[in-house]
N, C-alpha and C. Protein backbone atom coordinates (compact mmCIF):
# COMPACT_ATOMS: atom_id res chain seq x y z
N UNK A 1 15.92 23.39 -17.58
CA UNK A 1 16.01 24.19 -16.39
C UNK A 1 14.48 24.46 -15.93
N UNK A 2 14.13 24.49 -14.69
CA UNK A 2 12.85 24.72 -14.27
C UNK A 2 12.85 25.94 -13.40
N UNK A 3 11.67 26.53 -13.26
CA UNK A 3 11.32 27.69 -12.46
C UNK A 3 10.93 27.06 -11.04
N UNK A 4 10.72 28.04 -10.13
CA UNK A 4 10.40 27.56 -8.69
C UNK A 4 9.20 26.69 -8.65
N UNK A 5 8.31 26.85 -9.61
CA UNK A 5 7.17 25.88 -9.56
C UNK A 5 7.38 24.61 -10.23
N UNK A 6 8.52 24.38 -10.86
CA UNK A 6 8.81 23.06 -11.43
C UNK A 6 8.32 23.13 -12.84
N UNK A 7 7.90 24.30 -13.52
CA UNK A 7 7.46 24.32 -14.89
C UNK A 7 8.59 24.16 -15.85
N UNK A 8 8.24 23.19 -16.89
CA UNK A 8 9.36 23.09 -17.95
C UNK A 8 8.91 23.83 -19.11
N UNK A 9 9.62 24.90 -19.85
CA UNK A 9 9.06 25.58 -20.93
C UNK A 9 8.95 24.46 -22.10
N UNK A 10 8.02 24.71 -22.95
CA UNK A 10 7.80 23.96 -24.21
C UNK A 10 9.09 24.18 -25.02
N UNK A 11 9.86 23.14 -25.21
CA UNK A 11 11.05 23.18 -26.04
C UNK A 11 10.86 23.80 -27.51
N UNK A 12 9.75 23.33 -28.17
CA UNK A 12 9.52 23.84 -29.47
C UNK A 12 9.29 25.35 -29.50
N UNK A 13 8.46 25.70 -28.55
CA UNK A 13 8.16 27.33 -28.46
C UNK A 13 9.40 28.05 -28.09
N UNK A 14 10.10 27.48 -27.13
CA UNK A 14 11.45 28.16 -26.68
C UNK A 14 12.46 28.23 -27.91
N UNK A 15 12.47 27.15 -28.55
CA UNK A 15 13.43 27.20 -29.70
C UNK A 15 12.94 28.11 -30.86
N UNK A 16 11.60 28.07 -31.16
CA UNK A 16 11.09 28.99 -32.05
C UNK A 16 11.24 30.49 -31.60
N UNK A 17 11.12 30.77 -30.36
CA UNK A 17 11.29 32.13 -29.88
C UNK A 17 12.78 32.58 -30.06
N UNK A 18 13.62 31.68 -29.77
CA UNK A 18 15.12 31.90 -29.86
C UNK A 18 15.41 32.14 -31.37
N UNK A 19 14.95 31.34 -32.26
CA UNK A 19 15.12 31.60 -33.66
C UNK A 19 14.59 33.00 -34.25
N UNK A 20 13.49 33.28 -33.69
CA UNK A 20 12.94 34.56 -34.01
C UNK A 20 13.70 35.66 -33.46
N UNK A 21 14.28 35.54 -32.36
CA UNK A 21 15.14 36.57 -31.67
C UNK A 21 16.36 36.83 -32.41
N UNK A 22 16.94 35.65 -32.81
CA UNK A 22 18.25 35.74 -33.57
C UNK A 22 18.04 36.21 -34.96
N UNK A 23 16.89 35.89 -35.64
CA UNK A 23 16.69 36.42 -36.87
C UNK A 23 16.46 37.85 -36.87
N UNK A 24 15.81 38.49 -35.88
CA UNK A 24 15.58 39.87 -35.67
C UNK A 24 16.94 40.50 -35.44
N UNK A 25 17.89 40.01 -34.70
CA UNK A 25 19.27 40.65 -34.42
C UNK A 25 20.09 40.58 -35.77
N UNK A 26 20.02 39.56 -36.57
CA UNK A 26 20.62 39.55 -37.89
C UNK A 26 20.12 40.60 -38.70
N UNK A 27 18.89 40.55 -38.91
CA UNK A 27 18.13 41.56 -39.74
C UNK A 27 18.38 42.99 -39.38
N UNK A 28 18.48 43.24 -38.04
CA UNK A 28 18.77 44.69 -37.66
C UNK A 28 20.12 44.94 -37.99
N UNK A 29 21.15 43.96 -37.76
CA UNK A 29 22.48 44.12 -37.94
C UNK A 29 22.83 44.26 -39.62
N UNK A 30 22.06 43.69 -40.32
CA UNK A 30 22.13 43.84 -41.79
C UNK A 30 21.29 44.93 -42.42
N UNK A 31 20.56 45.62 -41.46
CA UNK A 31 19.68 46.74 -41.88
C UNK A 31 18.55 46.36 -42.87
N UNK A 32 18.03 45.09 -42.63
CA UNK A 32 17.08 44.47 -43.45
C UNK A 32 15.80 44.20 -42.74
N UNK A 33 14.60 44.28 -43.41
CA UNK A 33 13.53 43.69 -42.69
C UNK A 33 13.58 42.14 -42.55
N UNK A 34 12.83 41.78 -41.42
CA UNK A 34 12.94 40.28 -41.22
C UNK A 34 12.36 39.52 -42.39
N UNK A 35 11.51 40.08 -43.07
CA UNK A 35 10.79 39.47 -44.32
C UNK A 35 11.80 39.26 -45.43
N UNK A 36 12.87 39.91 -45.46
CA UNK A 36 14.01 39.55 -46.45
C UNK A 36 14.42 38.04 -46.27
N UNK A 37 14.27 37.48 -45.20
CA UNK A 37 14.68 36.18 -45.16
C UNK A 37 13.44 35.04 -45.38
N UNK A 38 12.25 35.60 -45.61
CA UNK A 38 11.23 34.68 -45.94
C UNK A 38 11.26 34.06 -47.27
N UNK A 39 10.98 32.81 -47.39
CA UNK A 39 10.96 32.15 -48.74
C UNK A 39 9.65 32.42 -49.43
N UNK A 40 9.68 32.58 -50.77
CA UNK A 40 8.41 32.59 -51.52
C UNK A 40 7.95 34.02 -51.59
N UNK A 41 8.58 35.04 -50.98
CA UNK A 41 8.06 36.34 -51.10
C UNK A 41 8.88 37.13 -52.21
N UNK A 42 8.42 38.21 -52.70
CA UNK A 42 9.05 38.81 -53.74
C UNK A 42 10.25 39.45 -53.17
N UNK A 43 11.40 39.71 -53.93
CA UNK A 43 12.62 40.29 -53.38
C UNK A 43 12.34 41.66 -52.82
N UNK A 44 13.01 41.92 -51.75
CA UNK A 44 12.89 43.12 -51.12
C UNK A 44 13.87 44.12 -51.97
N UNK A 45 13.41 45.37 -52.20
CA UNK A 45 14.11 46.20 -53.09
C UNK A 45 14.98 47.07 -52.16
N UNK A 46 16.10 46.51 -51.88
CA UNK A 46 17.17 47.24 -51.07
C UNK A 46 18.44 47.10 -51.83
N UNK A 47 19.29 48.10 -51.72
CA UNK A 47 20.62 47.99 -52.22
C UNK A 47 21.51 47.32 -51.27
N UNK A 48 21.92 46.12 -51.51
CA UNK A 48 22.70 45.47 -50.40
C UNK A 48 22.67 43.98 -50.74
N UNK A 49 22.89 43.18 -49.75
CA UNK A 49 23.12 41.80 -49.86
C UNK A 49 21.87 41.18 -50.46
N UNK A 50 22.07 39.96 -51.30
CA UNK A 50 20.95 39.21 -51.73
C UNK A 50 20.29 38.35 -50.67
N UNK A 51 19.03 37.91 -51.04
CA UNK A 51 18.50 37.12 -49.99
C UNK A 51 19.30 35.91 -49.79
N UNK A 52 19.93 35.27 -50.88
CA UNK A 52 20.85 34.04 -50.58
C UNK A 52 21.91 34.33 -49.66
N UNK A 53 22.53 35.66 -49.80
CA UNK A 53 23.63 35.97 -48.78
C UNK A 53 23.11 35.93 -47.43
N UNK A 54 21.96 36.63 -47.26
CA UNK A 54 21.37 36.81 -45.93
C UNK A 54 21.00 35.37 -45.36
N UNK A 55 20.51 34.53 -46.09
CA UNK A 55 20.24 33.31 -45.68
C UNK A 55 21.52 32.46 -45.21
N UNK A 56 22.54 32.58 -46.03
CA UNK A 56 23.81 32.04 -45.71
C UNK A 56 24.35 32.47 -44.34
N UNK A 57 24.42 33.81 -44.19
CA UNK A 57 24.66 34.40 -42.84
C UNK A 57 23.94 33.71 -41.75
N UNK A 58 22.54 33.89 -41.96
CA UNK A 58 21.60 33.40 -40.93
C UNK A 58 21.89 31.80 -40.56
N UNK A 59 22.21 31.10 -41.65
CA UNK A 59 22.29 29.67 -41.48
C UNK A 59 23.64 29.39 -40.68
N UNK A 60 24.56 30.00 -41.00
CA UNK A 60 25.99 29.90 -40.31
C UNK A 60 25.88 30.47 -38.83
N UNK A 61 25.18 31.64 -38.67
CA UNK A 61 25.01 32.11 -37.37
C UNK A 61 24.19 31.23 -36.47
N UNK A 62 23.07 30.58 -37.04
CA UNK A 62 22.28 29.92 -36.22
C UNK A 62 23.05 28.58 -35.63
N UNK A 63 24.10 28.19 -36.32
CA UNK A 63 24.80 27.01 -35.88
C UNK A 63 25.93 27.30 -34.82
N UNK A 64 26.05 28.67 -34.58
CA UNK A 64 27.02 28.93 -33.43
C UNK A 64 26.45 28.65 -32.06
N UNK A 65 26.90 27.79 -31.42
CA UNK A 65 26.30 27.37 -30.06
C UNK A 65 26.74 28.12 -28.94
N UNK A 66 28.03 28.65 -28.96
CA UNK A 66 28.56 29.52 -27.82
C UNK A 66 28.08 30.95 -27.87
N UNK A 67 27.35 31.35 -26.93
CA UNK A 67 26.78 32.65 -26.87
C UNK A 67 27.67 33.81 -26.95
N UNK A 68 28.92 33.53 -26.49
CA UNK A 68 30.05 34.49 -26.44
C UNK A 68 30.54 34.66 -28.07
N UNK A 69 30.47 33.56 -28.65
CA UNK A 69 31.03 33.64 -30.10
C UNK A 69 30.01 34.23 -30.87
N UNK A 70 28.58 33.99 -30.68
CA UNK A 70 27.61 34.61 -31.43
C UNK A 70 27.59 36.12 -31.22
N UNK A 71 27.89 36.45 -30.00
CA UNK A 71 28.06 37.96 -29.72
C UNK A 71 29.12 38.57 -30.55
N UNK A 72 30.34 37.94 -30.54
CA UNK A 72 31.49 38.39 -31.26
C UNK A 72 31.11 38.54 -32.79
N UNK A 73 30.46 37.40 -33.18
CA UNK A 73 30.12 37.43 -34.64
C UNK A 73 29.29 38.67 -34.94
N UNK A 74 28.20 38.95 -34.08
CA UNK A 74 27.32 39.94 -34.29
C UNK A 74 28.05 41.31 -34.27
N UNK A 75 28.98 41.43 -33.39
CA UNK A 75 29.77 42.64 -33.27
C UNK A 75 30.62 42.82 -34.53
N UNK A 76 31.13 41.80 -35.06
CA UNK A 76 31.94 42.02 -36.20
C UNK A 76 31.22 42.32 -37.40
N UNK A 77 29.99 41.82 -37.51
CA UNK A 77 29.03 42.29 -38.66
C UNK A 77 28.58 43.69 -38.48
N UNK A 78 28.39 44.17 -37.25
CA UNK A 78 28.08 45.55 -36.93
C UNK A 78 29.29 46.46 -37.28
N UNK A 79 30.41 46.03 -36.98
CA UNK A 79 31.68 46.95 -37.43
C UNK A 79 31.81 47.07 -38.89
N UNK A 80 31.49 45.95 -39.65
CA UNK A 80 31.62 45.98 -41.10
C UNK A 80 30.41 46.81 -41.70
N UNK A 81 29.29 46.87 -41.09
CA UNK A 81 28.11 47.59 -41.74
C UNK A 81 28.35 49.10 -41.82
N UNK A 82 27.90 49.59 -42.76
CA UNK A 82 27.99 51.06 -42.88
C UNK A 82 27.15 51.80 -41.80
N UNK A 83 27.72 52.95 -41.36
CA UNK A 83 26.87 53.63 -40.22
C UNK A 83 25.54 54.03 -40.68
């Protein structure tokens, strides 16, 4: 898609921004810092899901192409989360 000036956004930057946005949403829904998903860092001291579980959720979530289904998935995770 182009804007009125015919500018095509850089696909790598756009995809990277989208991944960062989705990661932030998942981290927020899981009540974790985004750094919990980083490889090679010390484990985050939180009572809750392991980094492997978080990575599995992120991996599955990132493969959902339909925005409506992603939204439903996020809503389900939020309902399952403790208040």
